PDB file of N, CA and C in Angstrom:
ATOM      1  N   MET A   1     131.142 -29.755 -45.195  1.00  0.00           N
ATOM      2  CA  MET A   1     129.690 -29.974 -45.256  1.00  0.00           C
ATOM      3  C   MET A   1     129.683 -31.364 -45.103  1.00  0.00           C
ATOM      4  N   ILE A   2     130.182 -32.058 -45.715  1.00  0.00           N
ATOM      5  CA  ILE A   2     130.089 -33.655 -45.663  1.00  0.00           C
ATOM      6  C   ILE A   2     130.583 -34.065 -44.154  1.00  0.00           C
ATOM      7  N   ALA A   3     131.665 -33.674 -43.878  1.00  0.00           N
ATOM      8  CA  ALA A   3     132.055 -34.111 -42.443  1.00  0.00           C
ATOM      9  C   ALA A   3     131.170 -33.630 -41.445  1.00  0.00           C
ATOM     10  N   ARG A   4     130.453 -32.494 -41.553  1.00  0.00           N
ATOM     11  CA  ARG A   4     129.439 -32.165 -40.544  1.00  0.00           C
ATOM     12  C   ARG A   4     128.116 -32.961 -40.485  1.00  0.00           C
ATOM     13  N   SER A   5     127.811 -33.600 -41.866  1.00  0.00           N
ATOM     14  CA  SER A   5     126.660 -34.197 -41.801  1.00  0.00           C
ATOM     15  C   SER A   5     126.819 -35.750 -41.451  1.00  0.00           C
ATOM     16  N   LEU A   6     128.069 -36.224 -41.285  1.00  0.00           N
ATOM     17  CA  LEU A   6     128.389 -37.710 -41.002  1.00  0.00           C
ATOM     18  C   LEU A   6     127.998 -37.950 -39.345  1.00  0.00           C
ATOM     19  N   PRO A   7     127.697 -38.973 -39.065  1.00  0.00           N
ATOM     20  CA  PRO A   7     127.354 -39.114 -37.604  1.00  0.00           C
ATOM     21  C   PRO A   7     128.714 -39.198 -36.885  1.00  0.00           C
ATOM     22  N   ALA A   8     128.834 -38.837 -35.750  1.00  0.00           N
ATOM     23  CA  ALA A   8     130.001 -38.651 -34.808  1.00  0.00           C
ATOM     24  C   ALA A   8     131.132 -39.802 -35.086  1.00  0.00           C
ATOM     25  N   HIS A   9     130.484 -41.137 -34.834  1.00  0.00           N
ATOM     26  CA  HIS A   9     131.354 -42.185 -34.577  1.00  0.00           C
ATOM     27  C   HIS A   9     131.814 -42.546 -35.974  1.00  0.00           C
ATOM     28  N   PHE A  10     131.146 -42.166 -36.970  1.00  0.00           N
ATOM     29  CA  PHE A  10     131.646 -42.435 -38.620  1.00  0.00           C
ATOM     30  C   PHE A  10     132.758 -41.275 -38.927  1.00  0.00           C
ATOM     31  N   ALA A  11     132.436 -40.012 -38.655  1.00  0.00           N
ATOM     32  CA  ALA A  11     133.377 -38.725 -38.604  1.00  0.00           C
ATOM     33  C   ALA A  11     134.473 -39.080 -38.064  1.00  0.00           C
ATOM     34  N   ALA A  12     134.359 -39.747 -36.842  1.00  0.00           N
ATOM     35  CA  ALA A  12     135.842 -39.893 -36.119  1.00  0.00           C
ATOM     36  C   ALA A  12     136.840 -40.958 -36.638  1.00  0.00           C
ATOM     37  N   ILE A  13     136.368 -41.955 -37.589  1.00  0.00           N
ATOM     38  CA  ILE A  13     137.137 -42.653 -38.322  1.00  0.00           C
ATOM     39  C   ILE A  13     137.487 -42.551 -39.572  1.00  0.00           C
ATOM     40  N   THR A  14     136.938 -41.349 -40.278  1.00  0.00           N
ATOM     41  CA  THR A  14     136.957 -40.872 -41.673  1.00  0.00           C
ATOM     42  C   THR A  14     137.875 -39.625 -41.462  1.00  0.00           C
ATOM     43  N   GLY A  15     139.047 -39.896 -42.432  1.00  0.00           N
ATOM     44  CA  GLY A  15     140.113 -38.748 -42.588  1.00  0.00           C
ATOM     45  C   GLY A  15     139.722 -37.831 -43.648  1.00  0.00           C
ATOM     46  N   ARG A  16     140.483 -36.884 -43.697  1.00  0.00           N
ATOM     47  CA  ARG A  16     140.241 -35.616 -44.890  1.00  0.00           C
ATOM     48  C   ARG A  16     140.277 -36.242 -46.289  1.00  0.00           C
ATOM     49  N   ASP A  17     141.193 -37.205 -46.566  1.00  0.00           N
ATOM     50  CA  ASP A  17     141.417 -37.637 -47.903  1.00  0.00           C
ATOM     51  C   ASP A  17     140.119 -38.503 -48.267  1.00  0.00           C
ATOM     52  N   GLU A  18     139.709 -39.132 -47.401  1.00  0.00           N
ATOM     53  CA  GLU A  18     138.605 -40.066 -47.589  1.00  0.00           C
ATOM     54  C   GLU A  18     137.273 -39.124 -47.802  1.00  0.00           C
ATOM     55  N   ILE A  19     137.056 -38.285 -47.138  1.00  0.00           N
ATOM     56  CA  ILE A  19     135.906 -37.122 -47.153  1.00  0.00           C
ATOM     57  C   ILE A  19     136.191 -36.363 -48.559  1.00  0.00           C
ATOM     58  N   GLU A  20     137.442 -36.027 -48.896  1.00  0.00           N
ATOM     59  CA  GLU A  20     137.490 -35.388 -50.242  1.00  0.00           C
ATOM     60  C   GLU A  20     137.176 -36.362 -51.436  1.00  0.00           C
ATOM     61  N   GLY A  21     137.439 -37.646 -51.185  1.00  0.00           N
ATOM     62  CA  GLY A  21     137.395 -38.727 -52.150  1.00  0.00           C
ATOM     63  C   GLY A  21     135.723 -38.795 -52.281  1.00  0.00           C
ATOM     64  N   MET A  22     134.976 -38.834 -51.340  1.00  0.00           N
ATOM     65  CA  MET A  22     133.568 -38.768 -51.244  1.00  0.00           C
ATOM     66  C   MET A  22     132.881 -37.572 -52.057  1.00  0.00           C
ATOM     67  N   ARG A  23     133.611 -36.364 -51.695  1.00  0.00           N
ATOM     68  CA  ARG A  23     133.025 -35.282 -52.163  1.00  0.00           C
ATOM     69  C   ARG A  23     133.275 -35.333 -54.014  1.00  0.00           C
ATOM     70  N   ARG A  24     134.497 -35.640 -54.210  1.00  0.00           N
ATOM     71  CA  ARG A  24     134.673 -35.713 -55.733  1.00  0.00           C
ATOM     72  C   ARG A  24     133.745 -36.741 -56.360  1.00  0.00           C
ATOM     73  N   ARG A  25     133.460 -37.896 -55.673  1.00  0.00           N
ATOM     74  CA  ARG A  25     132.683 -39.025 -56.322  1.00  0.00           C
ATOM     75  C   ARG A  25     131.094 -38.231 -56.527  1.00  0.00           C
ATOM     76  N   LEU A  26     130.839 -37.624 -55.323  1.00  0.00           N
ATOM     77  CA  LEU A  26     129.480 -37.105 -55.456  1.00  0.00           C
ATOM     78  C   LEU A  26     129.395 -36.142 -56.607  1.00  0.00           C
ATOM     79  N   LEU A  27     130.434 -35.265 -56.803  1.00  0.00           N
ATOM     80  CA  LEU A  27     130.237 -34.345 -57.928  1.00  0.00           C
ATOM     81  C   LEU A  27     130.302 -35.055 -59.473  1.00  0.00           C
ATOM     82  N   ALA A  28     131.037 -36.223 -59.503  1.00  0.00           N
ATOM     83  CA  ALA A  28     131.070 -36.864 -60.585  1.00  0.00           C
ATOM     84  C   ALA A  28     129.721 -37.686 -60.971  1.00  0.00           C
ATOM     85  N   LEU A  29     128.943 -37.746 -59.960  1.00  0.00           N
ATOM     86  CA  LEU A  29     127.824 -38.631 -60.249  1.00  0.00           C
ATOM     87  C   LEU A  29     126.964 -38.080 -61.373  1.00  0.00           C
ATOM     88  N   GLN A  30     126.506 -38.779 -62.292  1.00  0.00           N
ATOM     89  CA  GLN A  30     125.453 -38.270 -63.416  1.00  0.00           C
ATOM     90  C   GLN A  30     124.096 -38.677 -63.025  1.00  0.00           C
ATOM     91  N   ILE A  31     123.430 -37.700 -62.630  1.00  0.00           N
ATOM     92  CA  ILE A  31     122.001 -37.769 -62.581  1.00  0.00           C
ATOM     93  C   ILE A  31     121.200 -38.093 -63.598  1.00  0.00           C
ATOM     94  N   GLU A  32     120.484 -38.997 -63.828  1.00  0.00           N
ATOM     95  CA  GLU A  32     119.905 -39.326 -65.083  1.00  0.00           C
ATOM     96  C   GLU A  32     118.538 -38.778 -65.160  1.00  0.00           C
ATOM     97  N   GLY A  33     118.049 -37.752 -65.833  1.00  0.00           N
ATOM     98  CA  GLY A  33     116.921 -37.288 -65.939  1.00  0.00           C
ATOM     99  C   GLY A  33     116.365 -36.421 -64.791  1.00  0.00           C
ATOM    100  N   HIS A  34     114.862 -36.476 -64.690  1.00  0.00           N
ATOM    101  CA  HIS A  34     114.385 -35.861 -63.447  1.00  0.00           C
ATOM    102  C   HIS A  34     113.135 -36.682 -63.102  1.00  0.00           C
ATOM    103  N   ALA A  35     112.543 -36.494 -62.037  1.00  0.00           N
ATOM    104  CA  ALA A  35     111.558 -37.440 -61.559  1.00  0.00           C
ATOM    105  C   ALA A  35     110.282 -37.296 -62.572  1.00  0.00           C
ATOM    106  N   VAL A  36     109.820 -38.050 -63.042  1.00  0.00           N
ATOM    107  CA  VAL A  36     108.379 -38.156 -63.904  1.00  0.00           C
ATOM    108  C   VAL A  36     107.426 -38.869 -63.373  1.00  0.00           C
ATOM    109  N   LEU A  37     106.106 -38.314 -63.245  1.00  0.00           N
ATOM    110  CA  LEU A  37     104.993 -39.277 -62.736  1.00  0.00           C
ATOM    111  C   LEU A  37     104.435 -40.094 -63.896  1.00  0.00           C
ATOM    112  N   ARG A  38     104.360 -41.071 -63.585  1.00  0.00           N
ATOM    113  CA  ARG A  38     103.828 -42.172 -64.393  1.00  0.00           C
ATOM    114  C   ARG A  38     102.463 -42.626 -64.323  1.00  0.00           C
ATOM    115  N   ILE A  39     101.623 -43.251 -65.199  1.00  0.00           N
ATOM    116  CA  ILE A  39     100.494 -43.685 -65.000  1.00  0.00           C
ATOM    117  C   ILE A  39     100.145 -44.568 -63.724  1.00  0.00           C
ATOM    118  N   ARG A  40     101.157 -45.307 -63.376  1.00  0.00           N
ATOM    119  CA  ARG A  40     100.979 -46.175 -62.175  1.00  0.00           C
ATOM    120  C   ARG A  40     100.988 -45.177 -60.994  1.00  0.00           C
ATOM    121  N   ASP A  41     101.768 -44.235 -61.046  1.00  0.00           N
ATOM    122  CA  ASP A  41     101.585 -43.180 -59.620  1.00  0.00           C
ATOM    123  C   ASP A  41     100.365 -42.768 -59.498  1.00  0.00           C
ATOM    124  N   PHE A  42      99.481 -42.535 -60.563  1.00  0.00           N
ATOM    125  CA  PHE A  42      98.274 -41.844 -60.440  1.00  0.00           C
ATOM    126  C   PHE A  42      97.281 -42.898 -60.055  1.00  0.00           C
ATOM    127  N   VAL A  43      97.493 -44.050 -60.495  1.00  0.00           N
ATOM    128  CA  VAL A  43      96.814 -45.171 -60.292  1.00  0.00           C
ATOM    129  C   VAL A  43      96.960 -45.520 -58.618  1.00  0.00           C
ATOM    130  N   GLU A  44      98.070 -45.573 -58.227  1.00  0.00           N
ATOM    131  CA  GLU A  44      98.399 -45.659 -56.961  1.00  0.00           C
ATOM    132  C   GLU A  44      97.708 -44.571 -55.932  1.00  0.00           C
ATOM    133  N   ALA A  45      97.811 -43.359 -56.643  1.00  0.00           N
ATOM    134  CA  ALA A  45      97.423 -42.218 -55.666  1.00  0.00           C
ATOM    135  C   ALA A  45      95.702 -42.365 -55.632  1.00  0.00           C
ATOM    136  N   VAL A  46      95.113 -42.906 -56.666  1.00  0.00           N
ATOM    137  CA  VAL A  46      93.506 -43.152 -56.627  1.00  0.00           C
ATOM    138  C   VAL A  46      93.261 -44.261 -55.682  1.00  0.00           C
ATOM    139  N   GLY A  47      94.133 -45.240 -55.617  1.00  0.00           N
ATOM    140  CA  GLY A  47      93.825 -46.386 -54.645  1.00  0.00           C
ATOM    141  C   GLY A  47      93.962 -45.970 -53.152  1.00  0.00           C
ATOM    142  N   ILE A  48      95.050 -45.150 -52.941  1.00  0.00           N
ATOM    143  CA  ILE A  48      95.144 -44.648 -51.641  1.00  0.00           C
ATOM    144  C   ILE A  48      94.094 -43.797 -51.255  1.00  0.00           C
ATOM    145  N   PHE A  49      93.518 -43.028 -52.255  1.00  0.00           N
ATOM    146  CA  PHE A  49      92.326 -42.112 -51.797  1.00  0.00           C
ATOM    147  C   PHE A  49      91.110 -42.866 -51.588  1.00  0.00           C
ATOM    148  N   VAL A  50      90.825 -44.116 -52.143  1.00  0.00           N
ATOM    149  CA  VAL A  50      89.772 -44.970 -52.044  1.00  0.00           C
ATOM    150  C   VAL A  50      89.950 -45.612 -50.692  1.00  0.00           C
ATOM    151  N   LEU A  51      91.283 -46.089 -50.272  1.00  0.00           N
ATOM    152  CA  LEU A  51      91.413 -46.733 -49.080  1.00  0.00           C
ATOM    153  C   LEU A  51      91.107 -45.757 -47.936  1.00  0.00           C
ATOM    154  N   VAL A  52      91.362 -44.570 -47.936  1.00  0.00           N
ATOM    155  CA  VAL A  52      91.197 -43.401 -47.025  1.00  0.00           C
ATOM    156  C   VAL A  52      89.510 -43.422 -46.829  1.00  0.00           C
ATOM    157  N   VAL A  53      88.895 -43.225 -48.007  1.00  0.00           N
ATOM    158  CA  VAL A  53      87.389 -43.096 -47.975  1.00  0.00           C
ATOM    159  C   VAL A  53      86.664 -44.181 -47.397  1.00  0.00           C
ATOM    160  N   ILE A  54      87.297 -45.353 -47.739  1.00  0.00           N
ATOM    161  CA  ILE A  54      86.608 -46.758 -47.068  1.00  0.00           C
ATOM    162  C   ILE A  54      86.839 -46.735 -45.565  1.00  0.00           C
ATOM    163  N   ALA A  55      88.129 -46.196 -45.186  1.00  0.00           N
ATOM    164  CA  ALA A  55      88.630 -46.475 -43.763  1.00  0.00           C
ATOM    165  C   ALA A  55      87.702 -45.386 -42.931  1.00  0.00           C
ATOM    166  N   THR A  56      87.274 -44.164 -43.487  1.00  0.00           N
ATOM    167  CA  THR A  56      86.756 -43.084 -42.726  1.00  0.00           C
ATOM    168  C   THR A  56      85.179 -43.281 -42.738  1.00  0.00           C
ATOM    169  N   PHE A  57      84.589 -44.128 -43.783  1.00  0.00           N
ATOM    170  CA  PHE A  57      83.123 -44.198 -44.026  1.00  0.00           C
ATOM    171  C   PHE A  57      82.501 -44.573 -42.903  1.00  0.00           C
ATOM    172  N   PRO A  58      82.952 -45.625 -42.099  1.00  0.00           N
ATOM    173  CA  PRO A  58      82.144 -46.005 -40.807  1.00  0.00           C
ATOM    174  C   PRO A  58      82.016 -44.980 -39.852  1.00  0.00           C
ATOM    175  N   VAL A  59      82.927 -43.983 -39.555  1.00  0.00           N
ATOM    176  CA  VAL A  59      83.024 -42.851 -38.808  1.00  0.00           C
ATOM    177  C   VAL A  59      81.901 -41.868 -39.221  1.00  0.00           C
ATOM    178  N   VAL A  60      81.738 -41.696 -40.568  1.00  0.00           N
ATOM    179  CA  VAL A  60      80.825 -40.668 -41.271  1.00  0.00           C
ATOM    180  C   VAL A  60      79.462 -41.329 -41.099  1.00  0.00           C
ATOM    181  N   LEU A  61      79.279 -42.536 -41.224  1.00  0.00           N
ATOM    182  CA  LEU A  61      77.933 -43.233 -41.172  1.00  0.00           C
ATOM    183  C   LEU A  61      76.943 -42.771 -40.394  1.00  0.00           C
ATOM    184  N   PRO A  62      77.310 -42.500 -39.185  1.00  0.00           N
ATOM    185  CA  PRO A  62      75.989 -41.888 -38.177  1.00  0.00           C
ATOM    186  C   PRO A  62      75.393 -40.807 -38.628  1.00  0.00           C
ATOM    187  N   PHE A  63      76.299 -39.793 -39.115  1.00  0.00           N
ATOM    188  CA  PHE A  63      75.874 -38.603 -39.734  1.00  0.00           C
ATOM    189  C   PHE A  63      74.852 -38.627 -40.813  1.00  0.00           C
ATOM    190  N   LEU A  64      74.970 -39.911 -41.702  1.00  0.00           N
ATOM    191  CA  LEU A  64      74.001 -40.186 -42.682  1.00  0.00           C
ATOM    192  C   LEU A  64      72.784 -40.911 -42.271  1.00  0.00           C
ATOM    193  N   LEU A  65      72.767 -41.429 -40.992  1.00  0.00           N
ATOM    194  CA  LEU A  65      71.659 -42.202 -40.676  1.00  0.00           C
ATOM    195  C   LEU A  65      70.825 -41.429 -39.517  1.00  0.00           C
ATOM    196  N   THR A  66      71.239 -40.355 -39.089  1.00  0.00           N
ATOM    197  CA  THR A  66      70.615 -39.624 -37.881  1.00  0.00           C
ATOM    198  C   THR A  66      70.679 -38.193 -38.149  1.00  0.00           C
ATOM    199  N   THR A  67      69.530 -37.335 -38.024  1.00  0.00           N
ATOM    200  CA  THR A  67      69.700 -35.828 -37.902  1.00  0.00           C
ATOM    201  C   THR A  67      70.096 -35.381 -36.611  1.00  0.00           C
ATOM    202  N   ASN A  68      70.271 -36.093 -35.599  1.00  0.00           N
ATOM    203  CA  ASN A  68      70.578 -35.528 -34.321  1.00  0.00           C
ATOM    204  C   ASN A  68      71.990 -35.574 -34.214  1.00  0.00           C
ATOM    205  N   VAL A  69      72.681 -34.396 -34.360  1.00  0.00           N
ATOM    206  CA  VAL A  69      74.172 -34.214 -34.436  1.00  0.00           C
ATOM    207  C   VAL A  69      74.629 -34.785 -33.268  1.00  0.00           C
ATOM    208  N   ARG A  70      74.059 -34.399 -32.085  1.00  0.00           N
ATOM    209  CA  ARG A  70      74.739 -34.900 -30.711  1.00  0.00           C
ATOM    210  C   ARG A  70      74.954 -36.439 -30.766  1.00  0.00           C
ATOM    211  N   LEU A  71      73.788 -37.134 -31.202  1.00  0.00           N
ATOM    212  CA  LEU A  71      73.943 -38.515 -31.032  1.00  0.00           C
ATOM    213  C   LEU A  71      74.879 -39.002 -32.243  1.00  0.00           C
ATOM    214  N   ALA A  72      74.877 -38.358 -33.431  1.00  0.00           N
ATOM    215  CA  ALA A  72      75.776 -38.900 -34.546  1.00  0.00           C
ATOM    216  C   ALA A  72      77.110 -38.837 -34.111  1.00  0.00           C
ATOM    217  N   MET A  73      77.558 -37.638 -33.145  1.00  0.00           N
ATOM    218  CA  MET A  73      78.990 -37.401 -32.769  1.00  0.00           C
ATOM    219  C   MET A  73      79.308 -38.515 -31.843  1.00  0.00           C
ATOM    220  N   ARG A  74      78.396 -38.859 -30.917  1.00  0.00           N
ATOM    221  CA  ARG A  74      78.680 -39.843 -29.853  1.00  0.00           C
ATOM    222  C   ARG A  74      78.902 -41.287 -30.467  1.00  0.00           C
ATOM    223  N   MET A  75      77.940 -41.540 -31.536  1.00  0.00           N
ATOM    224  CA  MET A  75      78.147 -42.725 -32.365  1.00  0.00           C
ATOM    225  C   MET A  75      79.420 -42.765 -33.142  1.00  0.00           C
ATOM    226  N   SER A  76      79.635 -41.735 -33.736  1.00  0.00           N
ATOM    227  CA  SER A  76      80.977 -41.693 -34.441  1.00  0.00           C
ATOM    228  C   SER A  76      82.063 -41.873 -33.481  1.00  0.00           C
ATOM    229  N   ARG A  77      82.115 -41.376 -32.423  1.00  0.00           N
ATOM    230  CA  ARG A  77      83.329 -41.454 -31.468  1.00  0.00           C
ATOM    231  C   ARG A  77      83.429 -43.064 -31.015  1.00  0.00           C
ATOM    232  N   LEU A  78      82.276 -43.573 -30.745  1.00  0.00           N
ATOM    233  CA  LEU A  78      82.225 -45.169 -30.370  1.00  0.00           C
ATOM    234  C   LEU A  78      82.806 -46.091 -31.559  1.00  0.00           C
ATOM    235  N   ILE A  79      82.228 -45.684 -32.557  1.00  0.00           N
ATOM    236  CA  ILE A  79      82.795 -46.429 -33.814  1.00  0.00           C
ATOM    237  C   ILE A  79      84.162 -46.153 -33.929  1.00  0.00           C
ATOM    238  N   THR A  80      84.806 -45.180 -33.724  1.00  0.00           N
ATOM    239  CA  THR A  80      86.111 -44.884 -34.065  1.00  0.00           C
ATOM    240  C   THR A  80      86.957 -45.557 -33.112  1.00  0.00           C
ATOM    241  N   LEU A  81      86.543 -45.570 -31.652  1.00  0.00           N
ATOM    242  CA  LEU A  81      87.261 -46.262 -30.635  1.00  0.00           C
ATOM    243  C   LEU A  81      87.209 -47.819 -30.834  1.00  0.00           C
ATOM    244  N   CYS A  82      85.988 -48.267 -31.391  1.00  0.00           N
ATOM    245  CA  CYS A  82      86.075 -49.718 -31.597  1.00  0.00           C
ATOM    246  C   CYS A  82      86.863 -50.285 -32.878  1.00  0.00           C
ATOM    247  N   MET A  83      86.763 -49.381 -33.837  1.00  0.00           N
ATOM    248  CA  MET A  83      87.759 -49.623 -34.947  1.00  0.00           C
ATOM    249  C   MET A  83      89.348 -49.660 -34.540  1.00  0.00           C
ATOM    250  N   LEU A  84      89.537 -48.551 -33.528  1.00  0.00           N
ATOM    251  CA  LEU A  84      90.920 -48.540 -33.192  1.00  0.00           C
ATOM    252  C   LEU A  84      91.200 -49.741 -32.247  1.00  0.00           C
ATOM    253  N   PHE A  85      90.304 -50.262 -31.366  1.00  0.00           N
ATOM    254  CA  PHE A  85      90.687 -51.333 -30.773  1.00  0.00           C
ATOM    255  C   PHE A  85      90.794 -52.674 -31.444  1.00  0.00           C
ATOM    256  N   LEU A  86      89.817 -52.646 -32.635  1.00  0.00           N
ATOM    257  CA  LEU A  86      89.933 -53.931 -33.437  1.00  0.00           C
ATOM    258  C   LEU A  86      91.302 -54.064 -34.124  1.00  0.00           C
ATOM    259  N   ARG A  87      91.513 -52.859 -34.822  1.00  0.00           N
ATOM    260  CA  ARG A  87      92.830 -52.821 -35.508  1.00  0.00           C
ATOM    261  C   ARG A  87      94.145 -52.999 -34.893  1.00  0.00           C
ATOM    262  N   GLY A  88      94.091 -52.399 -33.435  1.00  0.00           N
ATOM    263  CA  GLY A  88      94.985 -52.805 -32.598  1.00  0.00           C
ATOM    264  C   GLY A  88      95.406 -54.192 -32.160  1.00  0.00           C
ATOM    265  N   MET A  89      94.041 -54.758 -32.104  1.00  0.00           N
ATOM    266  CA  MET A  89      94.111 -56.244 -31.816  1.00  0.00           C
ATOM    267  C   MET A  89      94.920 -56.836 -33.081  1.00  0.00           C
ATOM    268  N   GLN A  90      94.560 -56.590 -33.992  1.00  0.00           N
ATOM    269  CA  GLN A  90      94.972 -57.116 -35.518  1.00  0.00           C
ATOM    270  C   GLN A  90      96.555 -56.997 -35.489  1.00  0.00           C
ATOM    271  N   LEU A  91      96.935 -55.705 -35.157  1.00  0.00           N
ATOM    272  CA  LEU A  91      98.551 -55.234 -35.150  1.00  0.00           C
ATOM    273  C   LEU A  91      99.212 -56.061 -34.061  1.00  0.00           C
ATOM    274  N   GLY A  92      98.749 -56.293 -32.886  1.00  0.00           N
ATOM    275  CA  GLY A  92      99.111 -57.139 -31.859  1.00  0.00           C
ATOM    276  C   GLY A  92      99.452 -58.558 -32.321  1.00  0.00           C
ATOM    277  N   ARG A  93      98.431 -59.265 -33.064  1.00  0.00           N
ATOM    278  CA  ARG A  93      98.409 -60.558 -33.564  1.00  0.00           C
ATOM    279  C   ARG A  93      99.455 -60.417 -34.771  1.00  0.00           C
ATOM    280  N   TYR A  94      99.561 -59.706 -35.515  1.00  0.00           N
ATOM    281  CA  TYR A  94     100.450 -59.629 -36.577  1.00  0.00           C
ATOM    282  C   TYR A  94     102.009 -59.399 -36.179  1.00  0.00           C
ATOM    283  N   ALA A  95     102.102 -58.850 -34.996  1.00  0.00           N
ATOM    284  CA  ALA A  95     103.519 -58.573 -34.381  1.00  0.00           C
ATOM    285  C   ALA A  95     103.906 -59.898 -33.467  1.00  0.00           C
ATOM    286  N   GLY A  96     102.788 -60.751 -33.355  1.00  0.00           N
ATOM    287  CA  GLY A  96     103.193 -61.923 -32.562  1.00  0.00           C
ATOM    288  C   GLY A  96     103.070 -61.661 -30.978  1.00  0.00           C
ATOM    289  N   TYR A  97     102.399 -60.596 -30.517  1.00  0.00           N
ATOM    290  CA  TYR A  97     102.267 -60.573 -29.222  1.00  0.00           C
ATOM    291  C   TYR A  97     101.502 -61.632 -28.401  1.00  0.00           C
ATOM    292  N   ALA A  98     101.696 -61.921 -27.396  1.00  0.00           N
ATOM    293  CA  ALA A  98     100.954 -63.075 -26.828  1.00  0.00           C
ATOM    294  C   ALA A  98      99.510 -62.516 -26.346  1.00  0.00           C
ATOM    295  N   LYS A  99      99.362 -61.325 -26.009  1.00  0.00           N
ATOM    296  CA  LYS A  99      98.319 -60.612 -25.658  1.00  0.00           C
ATOM    297  C   LYS A  99      97.770 -59.621 -26.496  1.00  0.00           C
ATOM    298  N   PRO A 100      97.432 -59.664 -27.702  1.00  0.00           N
ATOM    299  CA  PRO A 100      97.079 -58.659 -28.809  1.00  0.00           C
ATOM    300  C   PRO A 100      96.070 -57.727 -28.229  1.00  0.00           C
ATOM    301  N   ALA A 101      95.127 -58.103 -27.127  1.00  0.00           N
ATOM    302  CA  ALA A 101      94.000 -57.139 -26.659  1.00  0.00           C
ATOM    303  C   ALA A 101      94.793 -55.922 -26.016  1.00  0.00           C
ATOM    304  N   ARG A 102      95.839 -56.176 -25.527  1.00  0.00           N
ATOM    305  CA  ARG A 102      96.407 -55.020 -24.892  1.00  0.00           C
ATOM    306  C   ARG A 102      96.835 -54.156 -25.927  1.00  0.00           C
ATOM    307  N   THR A 103      97.449 -54.446 -27.000  1.00  0.00           N
ATOM    308  CA  THR A 103      97.657 -53.308 -28.177  1.00  0.00           C
ATOM    309  C   THR A 103      96.400 -52.740 -28.558  1.00  0.00           C
ATOM    310  N   GLY A 104      95.320 -53.400 -28.744  1.00  0.00           N
ATOM    311  CA  GLY A 104      94.116 -53.063 -29.094  1.00  0.00           C
ATOM    312  C   GLY A 104      93.564 -51.933 -28.087  1.00  0.00           C
ATOM    313  N   PHE A 105      93.794 -52.216 -26.628  1.00  0.00           N
ATOM    314  CA  PHE A 105      93.242 -51.236 -25.644  1.00  0.00           C
ATOM    315  C   PHE A 105      94.124 -49.985 -25.759  1.00  0.00           C
ATOM    316  N   MET A 106      95.303 -50.339 -25.762  1.00  0.00           N
ATOM    317  CA  MET A 106      96.245 -49.185 -25.974  1.00  0.00           C
ATOM    318  C   MET A 106      95.982 -47.965 -27.156  1.00  0.00           C
ATOM    319  N   MET A 107      95.755 -48.739 -28.321  1.00  0.00           N
ATOM    320  CA  MET A 107      95.277 -47.825 -29.434  1.00  0.00           C
ATOM    321  C   MET A 107      94.080 -47.253 -28.993  1.00  0.00           C
ATOM    322  N   ALA A 108      92.972 -47.882 -28.423  1.00  0.00           N
ATOM    323  CA  ALA A 108      91.736 -47.219 -28.264  1.00  0.00           C
ATOM    324  C   ALA A 108      91.918 -46.266 -27.128  1.00  0.00           C
ATOM    325  N   LEU A 109      92.779 -46.525 -26.234  1.00  0.00           N
ATOM    326  CA  LEU A 109      93.201 -45.459 -25.001  1.00  0.00           C
ATOM    327  C   LEU A 109      93.714 -44.153 -25.857  1.00  0.00           C
ATOM    328  N   LEU A 110      94.636 -44.466 -26.656  1.00  0.00           N
ATOM    329  CA  LEU A 110      95.310 -43.225 -27.350  1.00  0.00           C
ATOM    330  C   LEU A 110      94.124 -42.497 -28.065  1.00  0.00           C
ATOM    331  N   GLY A 111      93.307 -43.044 -28.728  1.00  0.00           N
ATOM    332  CA  GLY A 111      92.202 -42.635 -29.435  1.00  0.00           C
ATOM    333  C   GLY A 111      91.298 -41.715 -28.723  1.00  0.00           C
ATOM    334  N   ALA A 112      90.891 -42.253 -27.494  1.00  0.00           N
ATOM    335  CA  ALA A 112      90.179 -41.704 -26.331  1.00  0.00           C
ATOM    336  C   ALA A 112      90.957 -40.496 -25.981  1.00  0.00           C
ATOM    337  N   ALA A 113      92.119 -40.337 -25.600  1.00  0.00           N
ATOM    338  CA  ALA A 113      92.696 -39.178 -25.301  1.00  0.00           C
ATOM    339  C   ALA A 113      92.770 -38.119 -26.195  1.00  0.00           C
ATOM    340  N   LEU A 114      92.921 -38.694 -27.617  1.00  0.00           N
ATOM    341  CA  LEU A 114      92.804 -37.574 -28.773  1.00  0.00           C
ATOM    342  C   LEU A 114      91.301 -37.073 -28.780  1.00  0.00           C
ATOM    343  N   ILE A 115      90.339 -37.827 -28.640  1.00  0.00           N
ATOM    344  CA  ILE A 115      88.867 -37.403 -28.758  1.00  0.00           C
ATOM    345  C   ILE A 115      88.957 -36.347 -27.512  1.00  0.00           C
ATOM    346  N   ALA A 116      89.414 -36.732 -26.370  1.00  0.00           N
ATOM    347  CA  ALA A 116      89.137 -35.880 -25.104  1.00  0.00           C
ATOM    348  C   ALA A 116      89.775 -34.603 -25.304  1.00  0.00           C
ATOM    349  N   THR A 117      90.992 -34.405 -26.108  1.00  0.00           N
ATOM    350  CA  THR A 117      91.858 -33.327 -26.433  1.00  0.00           C
ATOM    351  C   THR A 117      91.015 -32.448 -27.469  1.00  0.00           C
ATOM    352  N   VAL A 118      90.616 -32.950 -28.469  1.00  0.00           N
ATOM    353  CA  VAL A 118      89.642 -32.572 -29.393  1.00  0.00           C
ATOM    354  C   VAL A 118      88.432 -31.731 -28.717  1.00  0.00           C
ATOM    355  N   MET A 119      87.605 -32.620 -27.669  1.00  0.00           N
ATOM    356  CA  MET A 119      86.649 -32.006 -27.122  1.00  0.00           C
ATOM    357  C   MET A 119      86.955 -30.754 -26.220  1.00  0.00           C
ATOM    358  N   ALA A 120      88.217 -30.767 -25.677  1.00  0.00           N
ATOM    359  CA  ALA A 120      88.508 -29.973 -24.849  1.00  0.00           C
ATOM    360  C   ALA A 120      89.019 -28.593 -25.496  1.00  0.00           C
ATOM    361  N   LEU A 121      89.242 -28.682 -26.830  1.00  0.00           N
ATOM    362  CA  LEU A 121      89.618 -27.511 -27.664  1.00  0.00           C
ATOM    363  C   LEU A 121      88.389 -27.039 -28.167  1.00  0.00           C
ATOM    364  N   GLY A 122      87.275 -27.646 -28.034  1.00  0.00           N
ATOM    365  CA  GLY A 122      85.893 -27.106 -28.655  1.00  0.00           C
ATOM    366  C   GLY A 122      85.519 -27.680 -29.761  1.00  0.00           C
ATOM    367  N   GLY A 123      86.116 -28.888 -29.918  1.00  0.00           N
ATOM    368  CA  GLY A 123      85.650 -29.623 -31.328  1.00  0.00           C
ATOM    369  C   GLY A 123      84.666 -30.770 -31.149  1.00  0.00           C
TER     370      GLY A 123
END
């Protein structure tokens, strides 16, 4: 099983004795305890939850400001595309691209494609 799980180029240079040695060492490993969730794990989970809520709040905001659902959907899509463009530009700058607007445009284009797909499926 170990030999089958190795990449082909690694398995080609590994002999039976080496694989058997790996098997014995794996069996001899002493696994200490089991995974335990600590308070820090829960605090980090709450932090991630808060980040997700904050990130999606601008997209939900039009539904809180107007009763016209069609208008709210259009505004929400526009806000989503603007956010994707701005974050794409930020990603492009972070990556050191000479033209970060291209990255922003590509992310907005991907978002537009996803929106079009959802609309085509009835959403």
